Protein backbone atom coordinates (compact mmCIF):
# COMPACT_ATOMS: atom_id res chain seq x y z
CA MET A 1 -15.54 -2.41 20.97
CA LEU A 2 -12.42 -2.00 23.10
CA VAL A 3 -10.68 1.37 22.98
CA VAL A 4 -6.92 1.26 23.56
CA VAL A 5 -5.07 4.48 24.36
CA TYR A 6 -1.29 4.13 23.99
CA ASP A 7 1.93 6.17 24.01
CA ALA A 8 2.27 7.40 20.43
CA ASP A 9 5.94 8.34 20.97
CA CYS A 10 6.95 4.80 21.85
CA GLY A 11 8.20 2.61 19.01
CA VAL A 12 7.53 -0.65 20.84
CA CYS A 13 4.03 0.61 21.71
CA GLN A 14 3.38 1.41 18.04
CA ALA A 15 4.71 -2.01 17.00
CA SER A 16 2.44 -3.64 19.60
CA VAL A 17 -0.57 -1.79 18.17
CA GLY A 18 0.38 -3.09 14.71
CA TRP A 19 0.72 -6.62 16.09
CA VAL A 20 -2.78 -6.48 17.62
CA LYS A 21 -4.34 -4.91 14.50
CA LYS A 22 -2.92 -7.73 12.37
CA ARG A 23 -4.62 -10.31 14.61
CA ASP A 24 -7.89 -8.42 15.22
CA ARG A 25 -10.00 -10.40 12.76
CA LYS A 26 -13.29 -9.35 14.39
CA GLY A 27 -12.55 -5.62 14.44
CA VAL A 28 -12.79 -5.47 18.23
CA PHE A 29 -10.17 -2.75 18.81
CA TYR A 30 -10.05 1.00 18.24
CA PHE A 31 -6.65 2.60 18.91
CA ILE A 32 -5.98 6.18 19.98
CA GLY A 33 -2.47 7.56 20.40
CA ASN A 34 -1.95 9.80 23.40
CA ASP A 35 -1.00 12.57 20.96
CA ALA A 36 -4.64 12.84 19.84
CA GLU A 37 -6.28 16.21 20.36
CA ARG A 38 -8.96 14.67 22.60
CA LEU A 39 -8.62 11.56 24.71
CA PRO A 40 -11.60 9.50 25.86
CA ALA A 41 -13.37 10.57 29.05
CA GLY A 42 -11.59 9.30 32.14
CA VAL A 43 -8.17 9.03 30.46
CA THR A 44 -5.44 11.58 31.11
CA ARG A 45 -2.37 12.26 29.00
CA GLU A 46 -0.21 11.88 32.12
CA GLU A 47 -1.65 8.42 32.76
CA THR A 48 -0.81 7.30 29.22
CA GLU A 49 2.83 8.26 29.78
CA HIS A 50 3.03 5.32 32.22
CA THR A 51 0.56 2.74 30.93
CA MET A 52 -1.72 1.90 28.08
CA VAL A 53 -5.39 2.22 28.91
CA VAL A 54 -8.01 -0.27 27.71
CA LEU A 55 -11.62 0.89 27.86
CA ASP A 56 -14.40 -1.68 27.67
CA GLY A 57 -17.55 0.38 28.04
CA GLU A 58 -17.38 1.78 31.57
CA ARG A 59 -14.56 -0.57 32.63
CA LYS A 60 -10.98 0.71 32.48
CA THR A 61 -7.97 -1.59 32.69
CA VAL A 62 -4.28 -0.75 32.68
CA ARG A 63 -0.85 -2.39 32.84
CA GLY A 64 -0.84 -6.21 32.95
CA GLU A 65 -4.61 -6.38 33.26
CA GLY A 66 -4.92 -4.28 30.08
CA VAL A 67 -2.58 -6.64 28.24
CA ALA A 68 -4.61 -9.63 29.47
CA ARG A 69 -7.84 -7.96 28.31
CA ILE A 70 -6.43 -7.42 24.82
CA LEU A 71 -5.08 -10.98 24.55
CA ARG A 72 -8.44 -12.46 25.55
CA GLU A 73 -9.95 -11.03 22.34
CA LEU A 74 -7.28 -12.34 19.96
CA PRO A 75 -7.60 -15.74 18.28
CA GLY A 76 -5.02 -18.13 19.70
CA TRP A 77 -4.10 -15.80 22.56
CA SER A 78 -7.16 -15.97 24.85
CA LEU A 79 -5.63 -18.67 27.09
CA MET A 80 -2.55 -16.51 27.61
CA GLY A 81 -4.83 -13.60 28.50
CA ALA A 82 -6.67 -15.78 31.01
CA ALA A 83 -3.40 -17.08 32.48
CA LEU A 84 -2.13 -13.53 33.04
CA ARG A 85 -5.13 -12.84 35.26
CA ALA A 86 -4.27 -15.68 37.66
CA PRO A 87 -3.30 -14.62 41.19
CA GLY A 88 0.43 -14.12 41.44
CA ILE A 89 0.88 -14.04 37.68
CA MET A 90 -0.85 -10.64 37.43
CA GLN A 91 1.52 -9.19 40.04
CA ILE A 92 4.49 -10.43 38.02
CA ALA A 93 2.93 -9.08 34.81
CA ASN A 94 2.40 -5.66 36.42
CA TRP A 95 5.96 -5.64 37.75
CA GLY A 96 7.32 -6.43 34.27
CA TYR A 97 5.01 -3.90 32.64
CA ASP A 98 6.17 -1.16 35.00
CA ARG A 99 9.86 -1.96 34.37
CA PHE A 100 9.33 -1.85 30.62
CA ALA A 101 7.22 1.34 30.78
CA ARG A 102 10.01 3.21 32.58
CA ASN A 103 12.46 2.27 29.82
CA ARG A 104 10.17 2.04 26.76
CA HIS A 105 11.82 4.89 24.84
CA ARG A 106 15.31 3.50 25.41
CA VAL A 107 14.15 0.01 24.40
CA SER A 108 12.52 1.42 21.26
CA ALA A 109 15.71 3.29 20.32
CA ALA A 110 17.88 0.22 21.01
CA LEU A 111 15.64 -1.81 18.68
CA GLY A 112 15.86 0.85 15.97
CA MET A 113 12.16 1.69 16.26
CA ARG A 114 10.57 5.11 15.91
CA VAL A 115 10.99 7.08 19.09
CA CYS A 116 10.43 10.77 19.70
CA ALA A 117 11.01 11.40 23.36
CA VAL A 118 14.12 9.56 24.53
CA PRO A 119 14.99 11.00 27.95
CA GLU A 120 18.37 12.73 27.98
CA ARG A 121 21.17 11.01 29.83
CA LYS A 122 23.01 12.89 32.53
CA ALA A 123 26.71 13.33 31.87
């Protein structure tokens, strides 16, 4: 079983969890929002404000590598997951992940998705 810890205040993150659940025919994933009372050992709340965390036993993956790990378990998406791990592609995936993570609440709000913690704009 893969445990995925995600930002529960992020609408896009919640939609992504729903997308994976819909495709998880083998019941591989267990999802925990970072608003849970207790997070898995080795995962901090601060960390989950910047990246999702995928736990596979003792192995912990984040950012683009976490996305690749999830995709590898989904029917029809395993090749995409493998492609993301290719040298050069992973760096681009991490770059894109970081850019999105910094703006995830704004993106969620712009898409009309549930969002709780939109950072205030300076006047």
